[in-house]
Amino acid sequence: QAGDTLIMLEGTYKHDYKITLPNTQNGRPDAYITVRNDEGAKVTIDFSEQLIDSTMRGIQINANYWYFYGIDVMSAGDNGLYIAGSYNVVEYCSFHENQDSGLQIGRALSEQISVNEWPHNNLVKNCTSYNNYYYQTYGENADGFAAKLTNGEGNIFDGCIAYRNSDDGWDLY
């Protein structure tokens, strides 16, 4: 619920399915829903058991007002983290060895044709995205960070680093 905090303990959490935060599970401007590491803990969400498929993202945020902090997302069958909601914050997270972009911002559904329905005002701060590589196309499409094709205004990347990705470090098309 709005204002709740989920603290993840140190460890590697393996998933073979996409984690979707639905657009019905929103925080509020004064009460974000927070997912964070326990102080100083290394927390990895490992999707290496997923199929390599464009529908197999690691985490997809369709909701608004979520805050992710200190989480490592790796080996998803598509994007590591896909943001389709608005007013979300992702800070001090890393994304690597995913089959498409480490972190991408874009609309949730192709039926969302109005820019007013597209994700806007998201902040990605001090994150790192590296070693993302799409094996089925020998490297095509796997960007470090992507905010492309279907984005509203006000999405910000601040202090982020992208390196050793097989396509673009940054794809802002």
N, C-alpha and C. Protein backbone atom coordinates (compact mmCIF):
# COMPACT_ATOMS: atom_id res chain seq x y z
N GLN A 1 0.83 -1.18 0.00
CA GLN A 1 0.00 0.00 0.00
C GLN A 1 0.88 1.25 0.00
N ALA A 2 0.31 2.37 -0.35
CA ALA A 2 1.06 3.62 -0.34
C ALA A 2 1.73 3.82 1.02
N GLY A 3 3.01 4.16 0.99
CA GLY A 3 3.77 4.37 2.20
C GLY A 3 4.49 3.15 2.73
N ASP A 4 4.20 1.97 2.19
CA ASP A 4 4.86 0.74 2.66
C ASP A 4 6.30 0.67 2.16
N THR A 5 7.14 -0.03 2.93
CA THR A 5 8.53 -0.28 2.55
C THR A 5 8.80 -1.77 2.65
N LEU A 6 9.35 -2.33 1.58
CA LEU A 6 9.80 -3.72 1.55
C LEU A 6 11.31 -3.68 1.60
N ILE A 7 11.88 -4.22 2.67
CA ILE A 7 13.33 -4.27 2.81
C ILE A 7 13.80 -5.67 2.47
N MET A 8 14.69 -5.76 1.49
CA MET A 8 15.19 -7.05 1.05
C MET A 8 16.51 -7.35 1.75
N LEU A 9 16.60 -8.54 2.32
CA LEU A 9 17.82 -8.96 3.01
C LEU A 9 18.87 -9.39 2.00
N GLU A 10 20.10 -9.44 2.43
CA GLU A 10 21.20 -9.83 1.55
C GLU A 10 20.93 -11.19 0.94
N GLY A 11 21.23 -11.31 -0.35
CA GLY A 11 21.09 -12.58 -1.02
C GLY A 11 20.72 -12.43 -2.48
N THR A 12 20.65 -13.59 -3.13
CA THR A 12 20.26 -13.66 -4.53
C THR A 12 18.88 -14.30 -4.59
N TYR A 13 17.95 -13.61 -5.22
CA TYR A 13 16.58 -14.07 -5.34
C TYR A 13 16.36 -14.48 -6.79
N LYS A 14 16.15 -15.78 -7.04
CA LYS A 14 15.98 -16.28 -8.40
C LYS A 14 14.50 -16.32 -8.77
N HIS A 15 14.22 -15.84 -9.99
CA HIS A 15 12.85 -15.85 -10.51
C HIS A 15 12.88 -16.33 -11.96
N ASP A 16 11.89 -17.12 -12.34
CA ASP A 16 11.79 -17.54 -13.74
C ASP A 16 10.58 -16.91 -14.42
N TYR A 17 10.01 -15.89 -13.79
CA TYR A 17 8.84 -15.21 -14.32
C TYR A 17 9.03 -13.70 -14.17
N LYS A 18 8.27 -12.94 -14.93
CA LYS A 18 8.31 -11.48 -14.85
C LYS A 18 7.56 -11.02 -13.60
N ILE A 19 8.13 -10.07 -12.89
CA ILE A 19 7.46 -9.43 -11.76
C ILE A 19 6.81 -8.17 -12.30
N THR A 20 5.49 -8.12 -12.23
CA THR A 20 4.75 -6.96 -12.74
C THR A 20 4.08 -6.22 -11.59
N LEU A 21 4.33 -4.93 -11.51
CA LEU A 21 3.67 -4.08 -10.53
C LEU A 21 2.53 -3.40 -11.28
N PRO A 22 1.28 -3.82 -11.02
CA PRO A 22 0.15 -3.35 -11.82
C PRO A 22 -0.20 -1.88 -11.57
N ASN A 23 -0.86 -1.27 -12.56
CA ASN A 23 -1.21 0.15 -12.44
C ASN A 23 -2.30 0.39 -11.40
N THR A 24 -2.76 -0.64 -10.75
CA THR A 24 -3.72 -0.50 -9.65
C THR A 24 -3.02 -0.46 -8.30
N GLN A 25 -1.71 -0.66 -8.27
CA GLN A 25 -0.93 -0.73 -7.03
C GLN A 25 -0.02 0.49 -6.93
N ASN A 26 -0.61 1.66 -6.80
CA ASN A 26 0.13 2.92 -6.80
C ASN A 26 0.45 3.41 -5.39
N GLY A 27 1.58 4.09 -5.30
CA GLY A 27 1.85 4.89 -4.12
C GLY A 27 1.15 6.24 -4.31
N ARG A 28 1.60 7.22 -3.56
CA ARG A 28 1.08 8.58 -3.68
C ARG A 28 2.26 9.55 -3.67
N PRO A 29 2.06 10.79 -4.11
CA PRO A 29 3.17 11.75 -4.10
C PRO A 29 3.81 11.90 -2.72
N ASP A 30 3.04 11.77 -1.67
CA ASP A 30 3.56 11.91 -0.31
C ASP A 30 3.83 10.57 0.37
N ALA A 31 3.63 9.46 -0.38
CA ALA A 31 3.79 8.13 0.22
C ALA A 31 4.13 7.10 -0.86
N TYR A 32 5.40 7.12 -1.26
CA TYR A 32 5.87 6.14 -2.25
C TYR A 32 5.82 4.73 -1.67
N ILE A 33 5.71 3.74 -2.52
CA ILE A 33 5.93 2.35 -2.12
C ILE A 33 7.40 2.08 -2.40
N THR A 34 8.14 1.66 -1.39
CA THR A 34 9.58 1.53 -1.48
C THR A 34 10.00 0.07 -1.45
N VAL A 35 10.92 -0.28 -2.35
CA VAL A 35 11.59 -1.58 -2.35
C VAL A 35 13.08 -1.26 -2.29
N ARG A 36 13.73 -1.73 -1.22
CA ARG A 36 15.13 -1.37 -1.04
C ARG A 36 15.91 -2.50 -0.38
N ASN A 37 17.22 -2.39 -0.51
CA ASN A 37 18.08 -3.34 0.18
C ASN A 37 18.17 -2.97 1.66
N ASP A 38 18.42 -3.99 2.48
CA ASP A 38 18.74 -3.73 3.88
C ASP A 38 20.05 -2.95 3.88
N GLU A 39 20.24 -2.07 4.81
CA GLU A 39 21.41 -1.19 4.77
C GLU A 39 22.70 -1.98 4.61
N GLY A 40 23.43 -1.66 3.53
CA GLY A 40 24.70 -2.30 3.24
C GLY A 40 24.61 -3.69 2.60
N ALA A 41 23.42 -4.22 2.43
CA ALA A 41 23.25 -5.58 1.90
C ALA A 41 23.34 -5.58 0.37
N LYS A 42 23.96 -6.61 -0.18
CA LYS A 42 23.98 -6.82 -1.63
C LYS A 42 22.78 -7.70 -1.97
N VAL A 43 21.85 -7.12 -2.70
CA VAL A 43 20.61 -7.81 -3.07
C VAL A 43 20.58 -7.94 -4.58
N THR A 44 20.46 -9.18 -5.06
CA THR A 44 20.40 -9.46 -6.49
C THR A 44 19.12 -10.20 -6.81
N ILE A 45 18.39 -9.71 -7.80
CA ILE A 45 17.24 -10.44 -8.34
C ILE A 45 17.72 -11.02 -9.66
N ASP A 46 17.81 -12.35 -9.71
CA ASP A 46 18.41 -13.09 -10.82
C ASP A 46 17.31 -13.79 -11.62
N PHE A 47 17.18 -13.39 -12.88
CA PHE A 47 16.17 -13.96 -13.77
C PHE A 47 16.77 -14.94 -14.77
N SER A 48 17.92 -15.50 -14.47
CA SER A 48 18.62 -16.37 -15.43
C SER A 48 17.85 -17.63 -15.81
N GLU A 49 16.84 -17.97 -15.05
CA GLU A 49 16.04 -19.15 -15.39
C GLU A 49 14.87 -18.82 -16.33
N GLN A 50 14.73 -17.55 -16.71
CA GLN A 50 13.70 -17.15 -17.66
C GLN A 50 14.05 -17.60 -19.07
N LEU A 51 13.02 -17.78 -19.88
CA LEU A 51 13.23 -17.97 -21.31
C LEU A 51 13.71 -16.66 -21.91
N ILE A 52 14.48 -16.74 -22.98
CA ILE A 52 14.87 -15.54 -23.71
C ILE A 52 13.73 -15.21 -24.65
N ASP A 53 12.99 -14.15 -24.30
CA ASP A 53 11.76 -13.83 -25.01
C ASP A 53 11.42 -12.37 -24.73
N SER A 54 10.90 -11.66 -25.72
CA SER A 54 10.60 -10.23 -25.54
C SER A 54 9.49 -9.96 -24.53
N THR A 55 8.79 -10.99 -24.09
CA THR A 55 7.76 -10.79 -23.06
C THR A 55 8.30 -11.09 -21.66
N MET A 56 9.52 -11.55 -21.57
CA MET A 56 10.09 -11.99 -20.29
C MET A 56 11.00 -10.93 -19.67
N ARG A 57 10.43 -9.76 -19.43
CA ARG A 57 11.19 -8.74 -18.71
C ARG A 57 11.41 -9.22 -17.28
N GLY A 58 12.38 -8.64 -16.62
CA GLY A 58 12.60 -8.98 -15.22
C GLY A 58 11.51 -8.38 -14.36
N ILE A 59 11.53 -7.05 -14.23
CA ILE A 59 10.53 -6.32 -13.45
C ILE A 59 9.89 -5.29 -14.37
N GLN A 60 8.58 -5.22 -14.35
CA GLN A 60 7.87 -4.19 -15.12
C GLN A 60 7.01 -3.38 -14.16
N ILE A 61 7.28 -2.07 -14.12
CA ILE A 61 6.53 -1.17 -13.24
C ILE A 61 5.48 -0.46 -14.08
N ASN A 62 4.24 -0.89 -13.95
CA ASN A 62 3.13 -0.20 -14.60
C ASN A 62 2.50 0.83 -13.66
N ALA A 63 2.90 0.79 -12.42
CA ALA A 63 2.33 1.62 -11.36
C ALA A 63 3.05 2.97 -11.27
N ASN A 64 2.52 3.85 -10.45
CA ASN A 64 3.08 5.17 -10.19
C ASN A 64 3.54 5.27 -8.74
N TYR A 65 4.54 6.09 -8.53
CA TYR A 65 5.05 6.42 -7.19
C TYR A 65 5.65 5.21 -6.48
N TRP A 66 6.55 4.53 -7.17
CA TRP A 66 7.35 3.47 -6.57
C TRP A 66 8.79 3.96 -6.49
N TYR A 67 9.52 3.47 -5.49
CA TYR A 67 10.91 3.85 -5.28
C TYR A 67 11.73 2.58 -5.08
N PHE A 68 12.69 2.34 -5.98
CA PHE A 68 13.60 1.21 -5.88
C PHE A 68 14.97 1.73 -5.51
N TYR A 69 15.62 1.08 -4.55
CA TYR A 69 16.93 1.55 -4.08
C TYR A 69 17.83 0.35 -3.79
N GLY A 70 19.05 0.38 -4.36
CA GLY A 70 20.09 -0.59 -4.00
C GLY A 70 19.83 -2.02 -4.42
N ILE A 71 19.16 -2.21 -5.55
CA ILE A 71 18.83 -3.56 -6.03
C ILE A 71 19.62 -3.84 -7.32
N ASP A 72 20.12 -5.05 -7.45
CA ASP A 72 20.85 -5.53 -8.62
C ASP A 72 19.90 -6.44 -9.40
N VAL A 73 19.66 -6.13 -10.69
CA VAL A 73 18.76 -6.93 -11.52
C VAL A 73 19.57 -7.52 -12.67
N MET A 74 19.51 -8.85 -12.81
CA MET A 74 20.36 -9.48 -13.81
C MET A 74 19.68 -10.61 -14.57
N SER A 75 20.15 -10.82 -15.80
CA SER A 75 19.86 -12.00 -16.62
C SER A 75 18.40 -12.20 -17.00
N ALA A 76 17.66 -11.10 -17.17
CA ALA A 76 16.27 -11.23 -17.62
C ALA A 76 16.24 -11.64 -19.10
N GLY A 77 15.16 -12.28 -19.51
CA GLY A 77 14.99 -12.71 -20.89
C GLY A 77 14.73 -11.56 -21.84
N ASP A 78 14.53 -10.36 -21.32
CA ASP A 78 14.37 -9.13 -22.11
C ASP A 78 14.95 -8.01 -21.25
N ASN A 79 14.25 -6.91 -21.05
CA ASN A 79 14.75 -5.81 -20.21
C ASN A 79 14.88 -6.27 -18.75
N GLY A 80 15.90 -5.77 -18.08
CA GLY A 80 16.01 -6.04 -16.66
C GLY A 80 14.90 -5.36 -15.88
N LEU A 81 14.75 -4.04 -16.10
CA LEU A 81 13.68 -3.26 -15.47
C LEU A 81 13.03 -2.42 -16.56
N TYR A 82 11.72 -2.49 -16.65
CA TYR A 82 10.96 -1.72 -17.63
C TYR A 82 9.97 -0.84 -16.87
N ILE A 83 10.07 0.47 -17.09
CA ILE A 83 9.19 1.42 -16.40
C ILE A 83 8.13 1.90 -17.37
N ALA A 84 6.88 1.57 -17.08
CA ALA A 84 5.75 2.01 -17.90
C ALA A 84 4.83 2.95 -17.12
N GLY A 85 5.11 3.14 -15.84
CA GLY A 85 4.34 4.05 -15.01
C GLY A 85 5.02 5.41 -14.93
N SER A 86 4.53 6.25 -14.05
CA SER A 86 5.05 7.62 -13.92
C SER A 86 5.38 7.94 -12.47
N TYR A 87 6.23 8.93 -12.29
CA TYR A 87 6.64 9.43 -10.97
C TYR A 87 7.34 8.35 -10.14
N ASN A 88 8.09 7.49 -10.80
CA ASN A 88 8.86 6.46 -10.11
C ASN A 88 10.30 6.91 -9.97
N VAL A 89 10.99 6.38 -8.95
CA VAL A 89 12.40 6.69 -8.72
C VAL A 89 13.15 5.36 -8.61
N VAL A 90 14.26 5.27 -9.34
CA VAL A 90 15.14 4.12 -9.27
C VAL A 90 16.53 4.68 -8.96
N GLU A 91 17.10 4.27 -7.82
CA GLU A 91 18.34 4.88 -7.37
C GLU A 91 19.32 3.82 -6.87
N TYR A 92 20.59 4.01 -7.23
CA TYR A 92 21.66 3.11 -6.82
C TYR A 92 21.36 1.65 -7.13
N CYS A 93 20.80 1.41 -8.30
CA CYS A 93 20.54 0.03 -8.75
C CYS A 93 21.48 -0.29 -9.91
N SER A 94 21.68 -1.57 -10.17
CA SER A 94 22.47 -1.98 -11.33
C SER A 94 21.71 -3.02 -12.13
N PHE A 95 22.02 -3.03 -13.44
CA PHE A 95 21.33 -3.90 -14.39
C PHE A 95 22.39 -4.50 -15.29
N HIS A 96 22.45 -5.83 -15.34
CA HIS A 96 23.50 -6.44 -16.16
C HIS A 96 23.10 -7.82 -16.64
N GLU A 97 23.72 -8.20 -17.76
CA GLU A 97 23.55 -9.51 -18.39
C GLU A 97 22.10 -9.81 -18.77
N ASN A 98 21.35 -8.75 -19.08
CA ASN A 98 19.97 -8.92 -19.55
C ASN A 98 19.99 -9.08 -21.07
N GLN A 99 18.93 -9.65 -21.62
CA GLN A 99 18.87 -9.94 -23.04
C GLN A 99 18.40 -8.75 -23.89
N ASP A 100 18.06 -7.66 -23.25
CA ASP A 100 17.73 -6.41 -23.93
C ASP A 100 18.24 -5.31 -23.02
N SER A 101 17.72 -4.12 -23.12
CA SER A 101 18.23 -3.00 -22.33
C SER A 101 18.18 -3.32 -20.83
N GLY A 102 19.18 -2.85 -20.12
CA GLY A 102 19.19 -3.05 -18.67
C GLY A 102 17.99 -2.39 -18.03
N LEU A 103 17.76 -1.11 -18.37
CA LEU A 103 16.59 -0.38 -17.89
C LEU A 103 16.00 0.37 -19.08
N GLN A 104 14.70 0.23 -19.27
CA GLN A 104 14.02 0.93 -20.35
C GLN A 104 12.75 1.58 -19.84
N ILE A 105 12.45 2.76 -20.37
CA ILE A 105 11.21 3.47 -20.09
C ILE A 105 10.38 3.47 -21.37
N GLY A 106 9.12 3.06 -21.28
CA GLY A 106 8.23 3.04 -22.45
C GLY A 106 6.81 2.68 -22.02
N ARG A 107 5.87 2.82 -22.94
CA ARG A 107 4.47 2.54 -22.62
C ARG A 107 4.25 1.07 -22.31
N ALA A 108 3.18 0.79 -21.58
CA ALA A 108 2.85 -0.58 -21.19
C ALA A 108 2.14 -1.33 -22.30
N LEU A 109 1.25 -0.64 -23.03
CA LEU A 109 0.40 -1.31 -24.01
C LEU A 109 0.41 -0.55 -25.34
N SER A 110 0.37 -1.27 -26.44
CA SER A 110 0.36 -0.63 -27.75
C SER A 110 -0.90 0.20 -27.97
N GLU A 111 -1.96 -0.07 -27.21
CA GLU A 111 -3.19 0.71 -27.31
C GLU A 111 -3.04 2.11 -26.73
N GLN A 112 -1.99 2.35 -25.98
CA GLN A 112 -1.75 3.67 -25.40
C GLN A 112 -1.11 4.55 -26.48
N ILE A 113 -1.95 5.23 -27.24
CA ILE A 113 -1.46 6.00 -28.39
C ILE A 113 -1.28 7.48 -28.09
N SER A 114 -1.78 7.95 -26.98
CA SER A 114 -1.65 9.36 -26.62
C SER A 114 -0.43 9.56 -25.72
N VAL A 115 0.32 10.61 -26.00
CA VAL A 115 1.49 10.90 -25.17
C VAL A 115 1.10 11.09 -23.70
N ASN A 116 -0.14 11.49 -23.44
CA ASN A 116 -0.60 11.65 -22.06
C ASN A 116 -0.68 10.33 -21.30
N GLU A 117 -0.71 9.21 -22.03
CA GLU A 117 -0.77 7.89 -21.40
C GLU A 117 0.62 7.27 -21.21
N TRP A 118 1.64 7.90 -21.76
CA TRP A 118 2.99 7.33 -21.72
C TRP A 118 3.70 7.71 -20.43
N PRO A 119 4.69 6.92 -20.03
CA PRO A 119 5.39 7.18 -18.77
C PRO A 119 6.10 8.53 -18.78
N HIS A 120 5.95 9.25 -17.67
CA HIS A 120 6.56 10.58 -17.56
C HIS A 120 7.02 10.82 -16.13
N ASN A 121 7.93 11.77 -16.00
CA ASN A 121 8.43 12.21 -14.69
C ASN A 121 9.00 11.08 -13.84
N ASN A 122 9.74 10.19 -14.46
CA ASN A 122 10.48 9.16 -13.73
C ASN A 122 11.91 9.63 -13.55
N LEU A 123 12.53 9.26 -12.44
CA LEU A 123 13.91 9.62 -12.14
C LEU A 123 14.73 8.35 -11.97
N VAL A 124 15.79 8.23 -12.76
CA VAL A 124 16.74 7.14 -12.64
C VAL A 124 18.06 7.79 -12.22
N LYS A 125 18.50 7.49 -11.00
CA LYS A 125 19.61 8.24 -10.42
C LYS A 125 20.72 7.32 -9.92
N ASN A 126 21.94 7.64 -10.34
CA ASN A 126 23.14 6.94 -9.88
C ASN A 126 23.05 5.43 -10.08
N CYS A 127 22.52 5.02 -11.23
CA CYS A 127 22.41 3.60 -11.57
C CYS A 127 23.48 3.23 -12.59
N THR A 128 23.78 1.95 -12.67
CA THR A 128 24.76 1.43 -13.61
C THR A 128 24.14 0.30 -14.42
N SER A 129 24.42 0.30 -15.72
CA SER A 129 23.90 -0.75 -16.60
C SER A 129 25.03 -1.22 -17.50
N TYR A 130 25.33 -2.52 -17.44
CA TYR A 130 26.50 -3.04 -18.15
C TYR A 130 26.31 -4.50 -18.57
N ASN A 131 27.09 -4.91 -19.56
CA ASN A 131 27.12 -6.30 -20.05
C ASN A 131 25.75 -6.82 -20.47
N ASN A 132 24.88 -5.97 -20.98
CA ASN A 132 23.60 -6.42 -21.51
C ASN A 132 23.83 -6.82 -22.96
N TYR A 133 23.34 -8.00 -23.34
CA TYR A 133 23.66 -8.56 -24.66
C TYR A 133 22.54 -9.49 -25.10
N TYR A 134 21.97 -9.21 -26.27
CA TYR A 134 20.88 -10.03 -26.80
C TYR A 134 21.47 -11.12 -27.70
N TYR A 135 21.56 -12.32 -27.20
CA TYR A 135 22.24 -13.41 -27.89
C TYR A 135 21.56 -13.84 -29.18
N GLN A 136 20.23 -13.74 -29.25
CA GLN A 136 19.53 -14.23 -30.44
C GLN A 136 19.81 -13.38 -31.67
N THR A 137 20.21 -12.13 -31.50
CA THR A 137 20.54 -11.28 -32.66
C THR A 137 22.01 -10.87 -32.63
N TYR A 138 22.81 -11.62 -31.92
CA TYR A 138 24.25 -11.36 -31.81
C TYR A 138 24.54 -9.94 -31.35
N GLY A 139 23.77 -9.50 -30.38
CA GLY A 139 24.07 -8.24 -29.73
C GLY A 139 23.15 -7.08 -30.03
N GLU A 140 22.33 -7.17 -31.05
CA GLU A 140 21.45 -6.05 -31.40
C GLU A 140 20.44 -5.79 -30.28
N ASN A 141 20.10 -4.53 -30.07
CA ASN A 141 19.04 -4.07 -29.18
C ASN A 141 19.40 -3.96 -27.70
N ALA A 142 20.43 -4.55 -27.23
CA ALA A 142 20.69 -4.53 -25.79
C ALA A 142 21.44 -3.24 -25.41
N ASP A 143 20.68 -2.24 -25.01
CA ASP A 143 21.24 -0.96 -24.57
C ASP A 143 21.48 -1.00 -23.07
N GLY A 144 22.28 -0.07 -22.61
CA GLY A 144 22.41 0.09 -21.16
C GLY A 144 21.14 0.68 -20.60
N PHE A 145 20.81 1.89 -21.09
CA PHE A 145 19.59 2.59 -20.69
C PHE A 145 18.84 2.99 -21.95
N ALA A 146 17.51 2.90 -21.92
CA ALA A 146 16.70 3.29 -23.07
C ALA A 146 15.45 4.02 -22.59
N ALA A 147 15.18 5.14 -23.23
CA ALA A 147 13.92 5.86 -23.07
C ALA A 147 13.55 6.24 -24.48
N LYS A 148 12.77 5.38 -25.12
CA LYS A 148 12.58 5.57 -26.56
C LYS A 148 11.17 5.24 -27.01
N LEU A 149 10.82 5.85 -28.11
CA LEU A 149 9.61 5.61 -28.88
C LEU A 149 8.33 6.08 -28.19
N THR A 150 8.11 5.76 -26.95
CA THR A 150 6.82 6.09 -26.31
C THR A 150 7.06 6.61 -24.90
N ASN A 151 7.56 7.83 -24.80
CA ASN A 151 7.85 8.45 -23.52
C ASN A 151 7.19 9.81 -23.42
N GLY A 152 6.65 10.11 -22.26
CA GLY A 152 6.16 11.45 -21.98
C GLY A 152 7.31 12.33 -21.56
N GLU A 153 6.99 13.49 -21.04
CA GLU A 153 8.01 14.46 -20.64
C GLU A 153 8.51 14.21 -19.22
N GLY A 154 9.71 14.72 -18.95
CA GLY A 154 10.21 14.76 -17.59
C GLY A 154 10.90 13.51 -17.09
N ASN A 155 11.21 12.55 -17.96
CA ASN A 155 11.99 11.39 -17.53
C ASN A 155 13.45 11.82 -17.47
N ILE A 156 14.11 11.54 -16.34
CA ILE A 156 15.47 12.04 -16.11
C ILE A 156 16.40 10.89 -15.73
N PHE A 157 17.59 10.88 -16.34
CA PHE A 157 18.69 10.02 -15.94
C PHE A 157 19.75 10.95 -15.36
N ASP A 158 20.14 10.73 -14.12
CA ASP A 158 21.08 11.62 -13.45
C ASP A 158 22.18 10.78 -12.79
N GLY A 159 23.41 11.00 -13.19
CA GLY A 159 24.54 10.32 -12.57
C GLY A 159 24.65 8.84 -12.91
N CYS A 160 24.05 8.42 -14.02
CA CYS A 160 24.05 7.00 -14.40
C CYS A 160 25.23 6.68 -15.30
N ILE A 161 25.66 5.42 -15.26
CA ILE A 161 26.80 4.96 -16.05
C ILE A 161 26.38 3.73 -16.84
N ALA A 162 26.70 3.74 -18.15
CA ALA A 162 26.44 2.58 -19.01
C ALA A 162 27.75 2.19 -19.68
N TYR A 163 28.08 0.89 -19.64
CA TYR A 163 29.30 0.44 -20.32
C TYR A 163 29.18 -1.03 -20.71
N ARG A 164 29.94 -1.41 -21.73
CA ARG A 164 30.02 -2.78 -22.27
C ARG A 164 28.64 -3.38 -22.59
N ASN A 165 27.75 -2.59 -23.15
CA ASN A 165 26.48 -3.10 -23.63
C ASN A 165 26.63 -3.33 -25.13
N SER A 166 25.94 -4.31 -25.67
CA SER A 166 26.21 -4.70 -27.06
C SER A 166 25.60 -3.78 -28.10
N ASP A 167 24.64 -2.94 -27.73
CA ASP A 167 24.11 -1.96 -28.68
C ASP A 167 24.52 -0.59 -28.16
N ASP A 168 23.60 0.26 -27.82
CA ASP A 168 23.94 1.60 -27.34
C ASP A 168 24.10 1.61 -25.83
N GLY A 169 24.96 2.48 -25.34
CA GLY A 169 24.97 2.73 -23.91
C GLY A 169 23.68 3.43 -23.51
N TRP A 170 23.28 4.39 -24.36
CA TRP A 170 22.07 5.19 -24.15
C TRP A 170 21.29 5.19 -25.45
N ASP A 171 20.05 4.78 -25.44
CA ASP A 171 19.18 4.86 -26.62
C ASP A 171 17.99 5.72 -26.24
N LEU A 172 18.00 6.95 -26.72
CA LEU A 172 16.96 7.91 -26.37
C LEU A 172 16.15 8.31 -27.60
N TYR A 173 15.96 7.38 -28.51
CA TYR A 173 15.26 7.63 -29.77
C TYR A 173 13.79 7.90 -29.54
